[in-house]
Amino acid sequence: MHFFIRHDVLSHLDYLPEQTTWDLPTLRSARPLPTVTPPPTVANANGVEVRIFTPRSLPANTPPRLVMVSIHGGGYVAGKAQQDDTKNAQLCELLQAIVIAPEYRLAPEYPLPAAWDDCIAVTQWAIKKYDAPIFVHGDSAGGGLAYAVGCTLRSLVAGVILFEPCIDPSMSYESFITHEHGPFWTRRAATHAWAATVGDGVAALPFPKPSAPYPPTVVVVNPVDPLRDEGIALATGLVDVGTEAELHFYPGTVHATLSAPESHIWPEIQTLIKRFVDSQITPYSQPKDLV
């Protein structure tokens, strides 16, 4: 069957390594890491290494307009915070936000919930450190982790932005059949990644079901992506428990291409993110105490 995929998206796929989750040493060494100027600050946040991007125009010792915790993808078994440096540097300047990227622990060396715990700890650190609204953003596995942060910290978070969230170990949605061969993320890759992440508990360890209260949320999925339907189900599940949630997809996108710098879609998504963040800052009041 032929699926519509944008030409610029197809071009980006040529630069992405095969997702050999059955061969993690090869996968972990395959993706080149970008460099940005100025480089982010590397710090420790509740025991987790983080990369911190600060707007160039923000005076020293001045509270930021907002803070965004930005969580990288990689199927819970691969990826590094640095792989998102270009995206995070752009979001930092676009939103005039401090952007914090956690270097969370990966499976199988550290199965879930280790990555959940790390991302929650980093977000708690940010809430205590900065007098500003805190947003959480994640892509793929990072989207699953961002969702988990929202489930735990709830009203302490001003908003959640999920790209192609990866949250269903059972891989039971129709899109995992229709798009089992990807491109890029495949059923085979997902099967090995989930086995490494949750072991024998693949079918028994779902992410928490949506429940109220949950922060305002944007979900973006791809039309051609095995993860499409679980992202749609998550968005509608959030709506059904009373969350202020919105769902988007753009014609011709596939997994791992939403924030590709050369994609024509990325500027549209940046506009979406800015509009959402701006809409949530005004009514938001920073909580004073962690629960």
Protein backbone atom coordinates (compact mmCIF):
# COMPACT_ATOMS: atom_id res chain seq x y z
CA MET A 1 0.00 0.00 0.00
CA HIS A 2 1.22 3.50 -0.83
CA PHE A 3 1.11 6.20 1.86
CA PHE A 4 1.54 9.92 1.27
CA ILE A 5 4.85 11.16 2.72
CA ARG A 6 6.23 14.65 2.08
CA HIS A 7 9.39 14.89 -0.01
CA ASP A 8 11.25 16.92 2.62
CA VAL A 9 10.31 14.30 5.22
CA LEU A 10 11.65 11.51 3.01
CA SER A 11 14.90 13.44 2.58
CA HIS A 12 15.31 13.73 6.35
CA LEU A 13 14.89 9.98 6.76
CA ASP A 14 18.05 9.44 4.72
CA TYR A 15 20.06 10.93 7.60
CA LEU A 16 18.51 8.82 10.37
CA PRO A 17 20.04 5.48 11.40
CA GLU A 18 18.08 2.25 11.26
CA GLN A 19 16.43 1.66 14.64
CA THR A 20 18.28 -1.54 15.53
CA THR A 21 16.88 -1.90 19.03
CA TRP A 22 17.98 -5.56 18.87
CA ASP A 23 21.60 -4.30 18.61
CA LEU A 24 21.86 -1.46 21.11
CA PRO A 25 25.62 -0.79 20.88
CA THR A 26 25.26 -0.12 17.15
CA LEU A 27 22.11 1.96 17.60
CA ARG A 28 23.54 4.07 20.41
CA SER A 29 26.66 4.94 18.42
CA ALA A 30 24.95 5.54 15.07
CA ARG A 31 23.31 8.94 15.47
CA PRO A 32 25.56 12.00 15.06
CA LEU A 33 25.19 14.62 17.77
CA PRO A 34 24.75 18.28 16.80
CA THR A 35 26.63 21.22 18.25
CA VAL A 36 25.13 24.64 18.88
CA THR A 37 26.56 28.07 19.69
CA PRO A 38 26.54 29.06 22.45
CA PRO A 39 26.61 25.57 23.96
CA PRO A 40 24.19 24.75 26.77
CA THR A 41 25.25 24.67 30.39
CA VAL A 42 25.64 21.17 31.84
CA ALA A 43 24.38 20.89 35.42
CA ASN A 44 23.10 18.45 38.03
CA ALA A 45 19.38 18.46 38.81
CA ASN A 46 18.42 16.22 41.73
CA GLY A 47 21.14 13.76 40.73
CA VAL A 48 20.35 13.82 36.99
CA GLU A 49 22.64 15.47 34.44
CA VAL A 50 20.84 18.17 32.46
CA ARG A 51 21.63 20.49 29.57
CA ILE A 52 20.30 24.01 30.18
CA PHE A 53 19.62 26.50 27.38
CA THR A 54 19.21 30.15 28.39
CA PRO A 55 17.91 32.93 26.12
CA ARG A 56 20.72 35.22 25.03
CA SER A 57 18.73 38.31 25.99
CA LEU A 58 17.88 37.15 29.53
CA PRO A 59 19.80 39.25 32.07
CA ALA A 60 21.68 37.41 34.79
CA ASN A 61 19.67 36.63 37.94
CA THR A 62 16.40 37.45 36.14
CA PRO A 63 13.51 34.97 36.28
CA PRO A 64 12.70 33.53 32.86
CA ARG A 65 9.35 33.97 31.14
CA LEU A 66 8.87 30.21 31.40
CA VAL A 67 10.82 26.97 31.76
CA MET A 68 10.47 23.96 29.49
CA VAL A 69 11.72 20.49 30.42
CA SER A 70 12.42 18.88 27.04
CA ILE A 71 12.78 15.08 27.03
CA HIS A 72 14.49 13.26 24.15
CA GLY A 73 13.25 10.12 22.42
CA GLY A 74 14.93 6.84 21.60
CA GLY A 75 12.52 4.06 22.46
CA TYR A 76 13.57 4.18 26.15
CA VAL A 77 16.76 2.32 25.15
CA ALA A 78 18.78 4.87 23.15
CA GLY A 79 19.25 8.56 22.52
CA LYS A 80 20.98 11.37 24.37
CA ALA A 81 19.87 14.80 25.47
CA GLN A 82 22.41 16.35 23.09
CA GLN A 83 20.60 14.91 20.05
CA ASP A 84 17.95 17.60 20.58
CA ASP A 85 20.36 20.53 21.01
CA THR A 86 19.30 22.21 17.76
CA LYS A 87 15.59 21.93 18.56
CA ASN A 88 16.06 23.00 22.17
CA ALA A 89 18.20 26.00 21.24
CA GLN A 90 15.51 27.11 18.78
CA LEU A 91 12.72 26.68 21.33
CA CYS A 92 14.76 28.58 23.91
CA GLU A 93 14.93 31.67 21.70
CA LEU A 94 11.45 31.31 20.19
CA LEU A 95 9.73 31.11 23.57
CA GLN A 96 12.28 33.15 25.54
CA ALA A 97 12.37 30.17 27.85
CA ILE A 98 14.96 28.32 29.82
CA VAL A 99 14.97 24.83 28.30
CA ILE A 100 16.21 21.91 30.39
CA ALA A 101 17.06 18.58 28.72
CA PRO A 102 17.52 15.62 31.11
CA GLU A 103 20.02 12.81 30.48
CA TYR A 104 17.69 10.17 31.89
CA ARG A 105 18.68 6.56 32.46
CA LEU A 106 18.08 4.08 29.65
CA ALA A 107 16.86 0.49 29.56
CA PRO A 108 17.79 -2.34 29.70
CA GLU A 109 20.49 -1.23 32.14
CA TYR A 110 17.83 0.73 34.00
CA PRO A 111 14.28 -0.51 33.20
CA LEU A 112 11.25 1.63 33.82
CA PRO A 113 10.43 3.37 36.09
CA ALA A 114 14.03 4.67 36.26
CA ALA A 115 13.52 7.09 33.36
CA TRP A 116 10.18 8.23 34.83
CA ASP A 117 11.85 8.92 38.17
CA ASP A 118 14.67 10.90 36.54
CA CYS A 119 12.34 13.14 34.52
CA ILE A 120 10.07 13.74 37.50
CA ALA A 121 13.10 14.61 39.65
CA VAL A 122 14.36 17.10 37.06
CA THR A 123 10.95 18.75 36.78
CA GLN A 124 10.67 19.02 40.58
CA TRP A 125 14.11 20.63 40.62
CA ALA A 126 13.00 23.15 37.99
CA ILE A 127 9.82 23.98 39.92
CA LYS A 128 11.85 24.75 43.05
CA LYS A 129 14.62 26.64 41.25
CA TYR A 130 12.69 28.92 38.91
CA ASP A 131 9.93 31.40 39.67
CA ALA A 132 8.21 30.76 36.36
CA PRO A 133 5.60 28.48 34.76
CA ILE A 134 6.97 25.00 34.04
CA PHE A 135 6.10 23.20 30.80
CA VAL A 136 7.07 19.65 29.91
CA HIS A 137 7.73 18.49 26.35
CA GLY A 138 8.79 15.14 24.96
CA ASP A 139 9.14 13.30 21.68
CA SER A 140 8.32 9.57 21.22
CA ALA A 141 9.68 7.86 24.35
CA GLY A 142 10.23 11.38 25.65
CA GLY A 143 6.54 11.99 25.00
CA GLY A 144 5.69 9.02 27.17
CA LEU A 145 7.95 10.34 29.91
CA ALA A 146 6.49 13.85 29.64
CA TYR A 147 3.02 12.34 29.98
CA ALA A 148 4.17 10.45 33.10
CA VAL A 149 5.53 13.69 34.59
CA GLY A 150 2.12 15.29 34.10
CA CYS A 151 0.44 12.31 35.78
CA THR A 152 2.65 12.74 38.84
CA LEU A 153 3.03 16.51 39.22
CA ARG A 154 -0.33 17.53 37.74
CA SER A 155 -1.18 21.16 38.61
CA LEU A 156 2.47 21.95 39.34
CA VAL A 157 2.97 21.83 35.56
CA ALA A 158 1.54 24.62 33.40
CA GLY A 159 1.27 22.55 30.23
CA VAL A 160 2.41 19.39 28.47
CA ILE A 161 3.47 19.11 24.80
CA LEU A 162 3.63 15.56 23.44
CA PHE A 163 5.10 14.64 20.06
CA GLU A 164 4.23 11.11 18.82
CA PRO A 165 4.02 9.73 22.40
CA CYS A 166 5.14 6.14 22.95
CA ILE A 167 3.06 4.73 25.82
CA ASP A 168 1.54 1.36 24.85
CA PRO A 169 3.73 -1.72 25.45
CA SER A 170 1.03 -4.00 24.03
CA MET A 171 1.34 -2.42 20.54
CA SER A 172 -2.31 -3.33 20.06
CA TYR A 173 -3.61 -0.36 18.07
CA GLU A 174 -4.49 -0.68 14.39
CA SER A 175 -1.68 1.65 13.29
CA PHE A 176 0.85 -0.91 14.52
CA ILE A 177 -0.55 -3.24 11.87
CA THR A 178 -1.05 -0.70 9.08
CA HIS A 179 2.38 0.88 9.58
CA GLU A 180 4.33 -2.03 11.07
CA HIS A 181 7.19 -1.37 8.63
CA GLY A 182 7.46 2.32 9.47
CA PRO A 183 9.26 4.03 7.92
CA PHE A 184 11.88 4.55 10.63
CA TRP A 185 10.03 3.23 13.70
CA THR A 186 8.77 -0.29 13.09
CA ARG A 187 6.94 -3.01 14.95
CA ARG A 188 10.17 -5.00 15.14
CA ALA A 189 12.03 -2.05 16.67
CA ALA A 190 9.20 -1.40 19.13
CA THR A 191 8.99 -5.05 20.16
CA HIS A 192 12.67 -5.22 21.09
CA ALA A 193 12.59 -1.80 22.77
CA TRP A 194 9.61 -2.64 24.97
CA ALA A 195 11.09 -6.03 25.89
CA ALA A 196 14.26 -4.26 27.04
CA THR A 197 12.28 -1.58 28.87
CA VAL A 198 9.75 -3.63 30.81
CA GLY A 199 10.89 -7.25 30.29
CA ASP A 200 8.23 -9.85 30.96
CA GLY A 201 5.77 -7.13 31.95
CA VAL A 202 5.19 -5.87 28.39
CA ALA A 203 1.45 -6.49 28.47
CA ALA A 204 1.01 -5.75 32.17
CA LEU A 205 2.73 -2.37 32.57
CA PRO A 206 0.67 0.27 30.79
CA PHE A 207 1.25 3.93 31.47
CA PRO A 208 -1.30 5.43 33.85
CA LYS A 209 -4.70 6.01 32.31
CA PRO A 210 -5.67 9.67 31.98
CA SER A 211 -7.22 11.05 35.14
CA ALA A 212 -8.11 14.47 36.45
CA PRO A 213 -6.66 16.89 37.12
CA TYR A 214 -4.17 16.83 34.24
CA PRO A 215 -2.33 19.88 32.84
CA PRO A 216 -3.44 21.44 29.55
CA THR A 217 -1.94 19.32 26.78
CA VAL A 218 -1.08 19.38 23.09
CA VAL A 219 -0.62 16.04 21.31
CA VAL A 220 0.94 15.87 17.83
CA VAL A 221 0.94 12.57 15.93
CA ASN A 222 2.00 11.49 12.45
CA PRO A 223 -0.37 10.08 9.82
CA VAL A 224 2.18 7.40 8.86
CA ASP A 225 3.47 6.05 12.17
CA PRO A 226 2.89 2.87 14.20
CA LEU A 227 2.43 5.12 17.26
CA ARG A 228 -0.30 7.23 15.66
CA ASP A 229 -3.37 5.58 17.19
CA GLU A 230 -2.06 5.39 20.76
CA GLY A 231 -1.37 9.13 20.59
CA ILE A 232 -4.89 9.78 19.33
CA ALA A 233 -6.34 7.57 22.07
CA LEU A 234 -4.31 9.41 24.69
CA ALA A 235 -5.58 12.79 23.50
CA THR A 236 -9.22 11.69 23.52
CA GLY A 237 -8.72 10.00 26.88
CA LEU A 238 -7.45 13.28 28.32
CA VAL A 239 -10.44 15.12 26.88
CA ASP A 240 -12.81 12.58 28.43
CA VAL A 241 -11.49 13.25 31.95
CA GLY A 242 -11.91 17.00 31.54
CA THR A 243 -8.43 18.01 30.38
CA GLU A 244 -7.96 21.03 28.15
CA ALA A 245 -6.39 19.04 25.33
CA GLU A 246 -5.86 19.41 21.60
CA LEU A 247 -4.75 16.96 18.91
CA HIS A 248 -2.89 17.70 15.67
CA PHE A 249 -1.37 15.91 12.76
CA TYR A 250 0.13 17.25 9.56
CA PRO A 251 -0.09 15.62 6.12
CA GLY A 252 2.85 13.48 5.10
CA THR A 253 4.82 13.21 8.34
CA VAL A 254 6.34 10.05 9.78
CA HIS A 255 7.99 9.15 13.05
CA ALA A 256 10.98 11.27 14.19
CA THR A 257 10.50 14.05 11.62
CA LEU A 258 8.30 16.59 13.41
CA SER A 259 11.20 18.75 14.58
CA ALA A 260 13.64 18.11 11.73
CA PRO A 261 15.34 21.51 11.15
CA GLU A 262 15.07 21.22 7.35
CA SER A 263 11.41 20.14 7.38
CA HIS A 264 8.71 22.54 6.21
CA ILE A 265 6.54 21.22 9.05
CA TRP A 266 8.83 22.33 11.89
CA PRO A 267 8.06 26.07 11.54
CA GLU A 268 4.34 25.27 11.68
CA ILE A 269 4.84 23.21 14.80
CA GLN A 270 6.94 25.96 16.39
CA THR A 271 4.01 28.32 15.81
CA LEU A 272 1.68 25.78 17.44
CA ILE A 273 3.96 25.44 20.47
CA LYS A 274 4.29 29.20 20.90
CA ARG A 275 0.56 29.76 20.61
CA PHE A 276 -0.13 27.04 23.20
CA VAL A 277 2.51 28.26 25.64
CA ASP A 278 1.39 31.87 25.34
CA SER A 279 -2.22 30.85 26.01
CA GLN A 280 -1.26 29.02 29.20
CA ILE A 281 1.11 31.55 30.74
CA THR A 282 -1.56 34.20 31.30
CA PRO A 283 -3.96 32.14 33.45
CA TYR A 284 -1.21 30.19 35.17
CA SER A 285 -0.12 30.87 38.76
CA GLN A 286 3.08 29.22 39.93
CA PRO A 287 2.43 26.85 42.88
CA LYS A 288 4.60 27.47 45.90
CA ASP A 289 4.86 23.96 47.34
CA LEU A 290 5.53 20.54 45.91
CA VAL A 291 3.10 17.76 46.76
